[in-house]
C-alpha cells in the first residue's frame, strides 16, 4: 500500500487568533440580535460549528508542532 502524505499546511497561530476575534464579533452580534428579536437557533448552530473548527485548528497546530 502506498504511503500517505499530508501535503496540507497546518494553520498558523495568527490565523487562528483572527478566527477567534471574528467568532467573538459573531457572538456579540448574536447577543445584540437576541436582545431585540429573541434567540435565533441558526446563530447558535453556526457559532458552535465555527468554534469547533477553530478548536480543531488548534489541535492540528499542536500536532504539527509535536511531530
PDB file of N, CA and C in Angstrom:
ATOM      1  N   UNK A   1       0.836  -1.176   0.000  1.00  0.00           N
ATOM      2  CA  UNK A   1       0.000   0.000   0.000  1.00  0.00           C
ATOM      3  C   UNK A   1       0.885   1.244   0.000  1.00  0.00           C
ATOM      4  N   UNK A   2       0.457   2.267  -0.702  1.00  0.00           N
ATOM      5  CA  UNK A   2       1.242   3.494  -0.810  1.00  0.00           C
ATOM      6  C   UNK A   2       1.187   4.280   0.497  1.00  0.00           C
ATOM      7  N   UNK A   3       2.270   4.938   0.778  1.00  0.00           N
ATOM      8  CA  UNK A   3       2.349   5.766   1.988  1.00  0.00           C
ATOM      9  C   UNK A   3       1.579   7.060   1.747  1.00  0.00           C
ATOM     10  N   UNK A   4       0.776   7.438   2.726  1.00  0.00           N
ATOM     11  CA  UNK A   4       0.008   8.670   2.598  1.00  0.00           C
ATOM     12  C   UNK A   4       0.852   9.855   3.037  1.00  0.00           C
ATOM     13  N   UNK A   5       0.771  10.918   2.251  1.00  0.00           N
ATOM     14  CA  UNK A   5       1.472  12.154   2.595  1.00  0.00           C
ATOM     15  C   UNK A   5       0.443  13.224   2.891  1.00  0.00           C
ATOM     16  N   UNK A   6       0.707  13.979   3.920  1.00  0.00           N
ATOM     17  CA  UNK A   6      -0.153  15.107   4.243  1.00  0.00           C
ATOM     18  C   UNK A   6       0.482  16.353   3.643  1.00  0.00           C
ATOM     19  N   UNK A   7      -0.074  16.816   2.537  1.00  0.00           N
ATOM     20  CA  UNK A   7       0.508  17.971   1.857  1.00  0.00           C
ATOM     21  C   UNK A   7      -0.118  19.287   2.309  1.00  0.00           C
ATOM     22  N   UNK A   8      -1.127  19.216   3.164  1.00  0.00           N
ATOM     23  CA  UNK A   8      -1.756  20.444   3.636  1.00  0.00           C
ATOM     24  C   UNK A   8      -0.872  21.108   4.681  1.00  0.00           C
ATOM     25  N   UNK A   9      -0.867  22.426   4.655  1.00  0.00           N
ATOM     26  CA  UNK A   9      -0.120  23.180   5.658  1.00  0.00           C
ATOM     27  C   UNK A   9      -0.963  23.292   6.927  1.00  0.00           C
ATOM     28  N   UNK A  10      -0.347  23.124   8.083  1.00  0.00           N
ATOM     29  CA  UNK A  10      -1.117  23.322   9.315  1.00  0.00           C
ATOM     30  C   UNK A  10      -1.453  24.804   9.484  1.00  0.00           C
ATOM     31  N   UNK A  11      -2.533  25.107  10.190  1.00  0.00           N
ATOM     32  CA  UNK A  11      -2.888  26.515  10.390  1.00  0.00           C
ATOM     33  C   UNK A  11      -1.836  27.205  11.249  1.00  0.00           C
ATOM     34  N   UNK A  12      -1.658  28.490  11.019  1.00  0.00           N
ATOM     35  CA  UNK A  12      -0.711  29.210  11.872  1.00  0.00           C
ATOM     36  C   UNK A  12      -1.459  29.928  12.991  1.00  0.00           C
ATOM     37  N   UNK A  13      -0.731  30.316  14.002  1.00  0.00           N
ATOM     38  CA  UNK A  13      -1.333  30.895  15.198  1.00  0.00           C
ATOM     39  C   UNK A  13      -2.031  32.222  14.905  1.00  0.00           C
ATOM     40  N   UNK A  14      -1.472  33.024  14.013  1.00  0.00           N
ATOM     41  CA  UNK A  14      -2.087  34.310  13.673  1.00  0.00           C
ATOM     42  C   UNK A  14      -3.461  34.139  13.049  1.00  0.00           C
ATOM     43  N   UNK A  15      -3.581  33.172  12.158  1.00  0.00           N
ATOM     44  CA  UNK A  15      -4.871  32.906  11.512  1.00  0.00           C
ATOM     45  C   UNK A  15      -5.900  32.440  12.535  1.00  0.00           C
ATOM     46  N   UNK A  16      -5.491  31.560  13.445  1.00  0.00           N
ATOM     47  CA  UNK A  16      -6.415  31.066  14.460  1.00  0.00           C
ATOM     48  C   UNK A  16      -6.835  32.183  15.424  1.00  0.00           C
ATOM     49  N   UNK A  17      -5.916  33.082  15.745  1.00  0.00           N
ATOM     50  CA  UNK A  17      -6.260  34.216  16.604  1.00  0.00           C
ATOM     51  C   UNK A  17      -7.261  35.128  15.901  1.00  0.00           C
ATOM     52  N   UNK A  18      -7.068  35.347  14.610  1.00  0.00           N
ATOM     53  CA  UNK A  18      -8.010  36.153  13.823  1.00  0.00           C
ATOM     54  C   UNK A  18      -9.387  35.492  13.795  1.00  0.00           C
ATOM     55  N   UNK A  19      -9.420  34.177  13.669  1.00  0.00           N
ATOM     56  CA  UNK A  19     -10.686  33.456  13.694  1.00  0.00           C
ATOM     57  C   UNK A  19     -11.395  33.622  15.042  1.00  0.00           C
ATOM     58  N   UNK A  20     -10.631  33.588  16.121  1.00  0.00           N
ATOM     59  CA  UNK A  20     -11.233  33.772  17.452  1.00  0.00           C
ATOM     60  C   UNK A  20     -11.828  35.168  17.602  1.00  0.00           C
ATOM     61  N   UNK A  21     -11.135  36.185  17.085  1.00  0.00           N
ATOM     62  CA  UNK A  21     -11.661  37.556  17.149  1.00  0.00           C
ATOM     63  C   UNK A  21     -12.937  37.659  16.327  1.00  0.00           C
ATOM     64  N   UNK A  22     -12.939  37.078  15.144  1.00  0.00           N
ATOM     65  CA  UNK A  22     -14.128  37.104  14.298  1.00  0.00           C
ATOM     66  C   UNK A  22     -15.276  36.352  14.964  1.00  0.00           C
ATOM     67  N   UNK A  23     -14.974  35.233  15.633  1.00  0.00           N
ATOM     68  CA  UNK A  23     -16.001  34.474  16.336  1.00  0.00           C
ATOM     69  C   UNK A  23     -16.595  35.306  17.477  1.00  0.00           C
ATOM     70  N   UNK A  24     -15.735  36.026  18.195  1.00  0.00           N
ATOM     71  CA  UNK A  24     -16.219  36.875  19.286  1.00  0.00           C
ATOM     72  C   UNK A  24     -17.131  37.984  18.752  1.00  0.00           C
ATOM     73  N   UNK A  25     -16.802  38.527  17.581  1.00  0.00           N
ATOM     74  CA  UNK A  25     -17.677  39.532  16.960  1.00  0.00           C
ATOM     75  C   UNK A  25     -19.015  38.914  16.576  1.00  0.00           C
ATOM     76  N   UNK A  26     -18.987  37.683  16.082  1.00  0.00           N
ATOM     77  CA  UNK A  26     -20.223  36.984  15.760  1.00  0.00           C
ATOM     78  C   UNK A  26     -21.069  36.733  16.996  1.00  0.00           C
ATOM     79  N   UNK A  27     -20.413  36.379  18.094  1.00  0.00           N
ATOM     80  CA  UNK A  27     -21.123  36.173  19.354  1.00  0.00           C
ATOM     81  C   UNK A  27     -21.760  37.481  19.826  1.00  0.00           C
ATOM     82  N   UNK A  28     -21.029  38.572  19.694  1.00  0.00           N
ATOM     83  CA  UNK A  28     -21.569  39.886  20.058  1.00  0.00           C
ATOM     84  C   UNK A  28     -22.782  40.227  19.198  1.00  0.00           C
ATOM     85  N   UNK A  29     -22.691  39.956  17.907  1.00  0.00           N
ATOM     86  CA  UNK A  29     -23.821  40.221  17.014  1.00  0.00           C
ATOM     87  C   UNK A  29     -25.019  39.366  17.400  1.00  0.00           C
ATOM     88  N   UNK A  30     -24.780  38.110  17.813  1.00  0.00           N
ATOM     89  CA  UNK A  30     -25.868  37.241  18.233  1.00  0.00           C
ATOM     90  C   UNK A  30     -26.558  37.792  19.477  1.00  0.00           C
ATOM     91  N   UNK A  31     -25.767  38.270  20.428  1.00  0.00           N
ATOM     92  CA  UNK A  31     -26.339  38.816  21.667  1.00  0.00           C
ATOM     93  C   UNK A  31     -27.152  40.067  21.367  1.00  0.00           C
ATOM     94  N   UNK A  32     -26.629  40.940  20.520  1.00  0.00           N
ATOM     95  CA  UNK A  32     -27.360  42.162  20.160  1.00  0.00           C
ATOM     96  C   UNK A  32     -28.659  41.801  19.445  1.00  0.00           C
ATOM     97  N   UNK A  33     -28.590  40.840  18.545  1.00  0.00           N
ATOM     98  CA  UNK A  33     -29.786  40.405  17.821  1.00  0.00           C
ATOM     99  C   UNK A  33     -30.797  39.771  18.777  1.00  0.00           C
ATOM    100  N   UNK A  34     -30.310  39.023  19.756  1.00  0.00           N
ATOM    101  CA  UNK A  34     -31.202  38.334  20.689  1.00  0.00           C
ATOM    102  C   UNK A  34     -31.920  39.304  21.618  1.00  0.00           C
ATOM    103  N   UNK A  35     -31.309  40.438  21.901  1.00  0.00           N
ATOM    104  CA  UNK A  35     -31.967  41.397  22.793  1.00  0.00           C
ATOM    105  C   UNK A  35     -33.196  42.027  22.151  1.00  0.00           C
ATOM    106  N   UNK A  36     -33.179  42.158  20.835  1.00  0.00           N
ATOM    107  CA  UNK A  36     -34.312  42.805  20.181  1.00  0.00           C
ATOM    108  C   UNK A  36     -35.319  41.809  19.595  1.00  0.00           C
ATOM    109  N   UNK A  37     -34.837  40.658  19.103  1.00  0.00           N
ATOM    110  CA  UNK A  37     -35.745  39.740  18.411  1.00  0.00           C
ATOM    111  C   UNK A  37     -35.849  38.372  19.055  1.00  0.00           C
ATOM    112  N   UNK A  38     -35.133  38.127  20.103  1.00  0.00           N
ATOM    113  CA  UNK A  38     -35.158  36.797  20.714  1.00  0.00           C
ATOM    114  C   UNK A  38     -34.042  35.922  20.152  1.00  0.00           C
ATOM    115  N   UNK A  39     -33.850  34.796  20.779  1.00  0.00           N
ATOM    116  CA  UNK A  39     -32.762  33.899  20.414  1.00  0.00           C
ATOM    117  C   UNK A  39     -33.069  33.190  19.097  1.00  0.00           C
ATOM    118  N   UNK A  40     -32.105  33.157  18.215  1.00  0.00           N
ATOM    119  CA  UNK A  40     -32.251  32.516  16.911  1.00  0.00           C
ATOM    120  C   UNK A  40     -31.313  31.315  16.870  1.00  0.00           C
ATOM    121  N   UNK A  41     -31.856  30.122  16.695  1.00  0.00           N
ATOM    122  CA  UNK A  41     -31.052  28.895  16.787  1.00  0.00           C
ATOM    123  C   UNK A  41     -30.018  28.765  15.678  1.00  0.00           C
ATOM    124  N   UNK A  42     -30.244  29.414  14.540  1.00  0.00           N
ATOM    125  CA  UNK A  42     -29.254  29.334  13.458  1.00  0.00           C
ATOM    126  C   UNK A  42     -27.945  29.989  13.884  1.00  0.00           C
ATOM    127  N   UNK A  43     -28.035  31.084  14.652  1.00  0.00           N
ATOM    128  CA  UNK A  43     -26.829  31.740  15.164  1.00  0.00           C
ATOM    129  C   UNK A  43     -26.053  30.781  16.055  1.00  0.00           C
ATOM    130  N   UNK A  44     -26.775  30.121  16.951  1.00  0.00           N
ATOM    131  CA  UNK A  44     -26.118  29.213  17.888  1.00  0.00           C
ATOM    132  C   UNK A  44     -25.446  28.071  17.131  1.00  0.00           C
ATOM    133  N   UNK A  45     -26.136  27.503  16.165  1.00  0.00           N
ATOM    134  CA  UNK A  45     -25.572  26.413  15.375  1.00  0.00           C
ATOM    135  C   UNK A  45     -24.341  26.830  14.590  1.00  0.00           C
ATOM    136  N   UNK A  46     -24.427  27.985  13.940  1.00  0.00           N
ATOM    137  CA  UNK A  46     -23.287  28.462  13.151  1.00  0.00           C
ATOM    138  C   UNK A  46     -22.081  28.783  14.032  1.00  0.00           C
ATOM    139  N   UNK A  47     -22.318  29.453  15.145  1.00  0.00           N
ATOM    140  CA  UNK A  47     -21.208  29.802  16.034  1.00  0.00           C
ATOM    141  C   UNK A  47     -20.606  28.564  16.697  1.00  0.00           C
ATOM    142  N   UNK A  48     -21.441  27.589  17.036  1.00  0.00           N
ATOM    143  CA  UNK A  48     -20.916  26.356  17.638  1.00  0.00           C
ATOM    144  C   UNK A  48     -20.061  25.591  16.636  1.00  0.00           C
ATOM    145  N   UNK A  49     -20.542  25.464  15.406  1.00  0.00           N
ATOM    146  CA  UNK A  49     -19.759  24.786  14.368  1.00  0.00           C
ATOM    147  C   UNK A  49     -18.460  25.511  14.069  1.00  0.00           C
ATOM    148  N   UNK A  50     -18.513  26.819  14.040  1.00  0.00           N
ATOM    149  CA  UNK A  50     -17.320  27.621  13.777  1.00  0.00           C
ATOM    150  C   UNK A  50     -16.297  27.435  14.898  1.00  0.00           C
ATOM    151  N   UNK A  51     -16.776  27.441  16.147  1.00  0.00           N
ATOM    152  CA  UNK A  51     -15.867  27.273  17.279  1.00  0.00           C
ATOM    153  C   UNK A  51     -15.220  25.889  17.255  1.00  0.00           C
ATOM    154  N   UNK A  52     -15.977  24.874  16.883  1.00  0.00           N
ATOM    155  CA  UNK A  52     -15.414  23.522  16.775  1.00  0.00           C
ATOM    156  C   UNK A  52     -14.304  23.498  15.731  1.00  0.00           C
ATOM    157  N   UNK A  53     -14.507  24.169  14.601  1.00  0.00           N
ATOM    158  CA  UNK A  53     -13.466  24.193  13.571  1.00  0.00           C
ATOM    159  C   UNK A  53     -12.224  24.944  14.048  1.00  0.00           C
ATOM    160  N   UNK A  54     -12.401  25.984  14.852  1.00  0.00           N
ATOM    161  CA  UNK A  54     -11.260  26.720  15.399  1.00  0.00           C
ATOM    162  C   UNK A  54     -10.499  25.844  16.384  1.00  0.00           C
ATOM    163  N   UNK A  55     -11.228  25.145  17.242  1.00  0.00           N
ATOM    164  CA  UNK A  55     -10.571  24.245  18.195  1.00  0.00           C
ATOM    165  C   UNK A  55      -9.824  23.144  17.455  1.00  0.00           C
ATOM    166  N   UNK A  56     -10.421  22.599  16.398  1.00  0.00           N
ATOM    167  CA  UNK A  56      -9.739  21.580  15.614  1.00  0.00           C
ATOM    168  C   UNK A  56      -8.466  22.153  14.974  1.00  0.00           C
ATOM    169  N   UNK A  57      -8.500  23.409  14.588  1.00  0.00           N
ATOM    170  CA  UNK A  57      -7.294  24.054  14.055  1.00  0.00           C
ATOM    171  C   UNK A  57      -6.193  24.124  15.098  1.00  0.00           C
ATOM    172  N   UNK A  58      -6.552  24.446  16.348  1.00  0.00           N
ATOM    173  CA  UNK A  58      -5.555  24.457  17.422  1.00  0.00           C
ATOM    174  C   UNK A  58      -4.998  23.056  17.672  1.00  0.00           C
ATOM    175  N   UNK A  59      -5.861  22.029  17.590  1.00  0.00           N
ATOM    176  CA  UNK A  59      -5.393  20.656  17.772  1.00  0.00           C
ATOM    177  C   UNK A  59      -4.408  20.278  16.659  1.00  0.00           C
ATOM    178  N   UNK A  60      -4.750  20.626  15.419  1.00  0.00           N
ATOM    179  CA  UNK A  60      -3.855  20.339  14.295  1.00  0.00           C
ATOM    180  C   UNK A  60      -2.532  21.090  14.431  1.00  0.00           C
ATOM    181  N   UNK A  61      -2.596  22.329  14.910  1.00  0.00           N
ATOM    182  CA  UNK A  61      -1.380  23.115  15.115  1.00  0.00           C
ATOM    183  C   UNK A  61      -0.489  22.467  16.167  1.00  0.00           C
ATOM    184  N   UNK A  62      -1.106  22.007  17.247  1.00  0.00           N
ATOM    185  CA  UNK A  62      -0.323  21.362  18.300  1.00  0.00           C
ATOM    186  C   UNK A  62       0.286  20.053  17.815  1.00  0.00           C
ATOM    187  N   UNK A  63      -0.484  19.285  17.042  1.00  0.00           N
ATOM    188  CA  UNK A  63       0.049  18.032  16.498  1.00  0.00           C
ATOM    189  C   UNK A  63       1.210  18.288  15.540  1.00  0.00           C
ATOM    190  N   UNK A  64       1.104  19.363  14.761  1.00  0.00           N
ATOM    191  CA  UNK A  64       2.169  19.676  13.805  1.00  0.00           C
ATOM    192  C   UNK A  64       3.438  20.077  14.530  1.00  0.00           C
ATOM    193  N   UNK A  65       3.299  20.772  15.679  1.00  0.00           N
ATOM    194  CA  UNK A  65       4.484  21.194  16.424  1.00  0.00           C
ATOM    195  C   UNK A  65       5.157  20.034  17.119  1.00  0.00           C
ATOM    196  N   UNK A  66       4.385  19.019  17.547  1.00  0.00           N
ATOM    197  CA  UNK A  66       4.986  17.888  18.248  1.00  0.00           C
ATOM    198  C   UNK A  66       5.527  16.832  17.288  1.00  0.00           C
ATOM    199  N   UNK A  67       5.078  16.863  16.045  1.00  0.00           N
ATOM    200  CA  UNK A  67       5.550  15.857  15.070  1.00  0.00           C
ATOM    201  C   UNK A  67       6.880  16.235  14.475  1.00  0.00           C
TER     202      UNK A  67
END
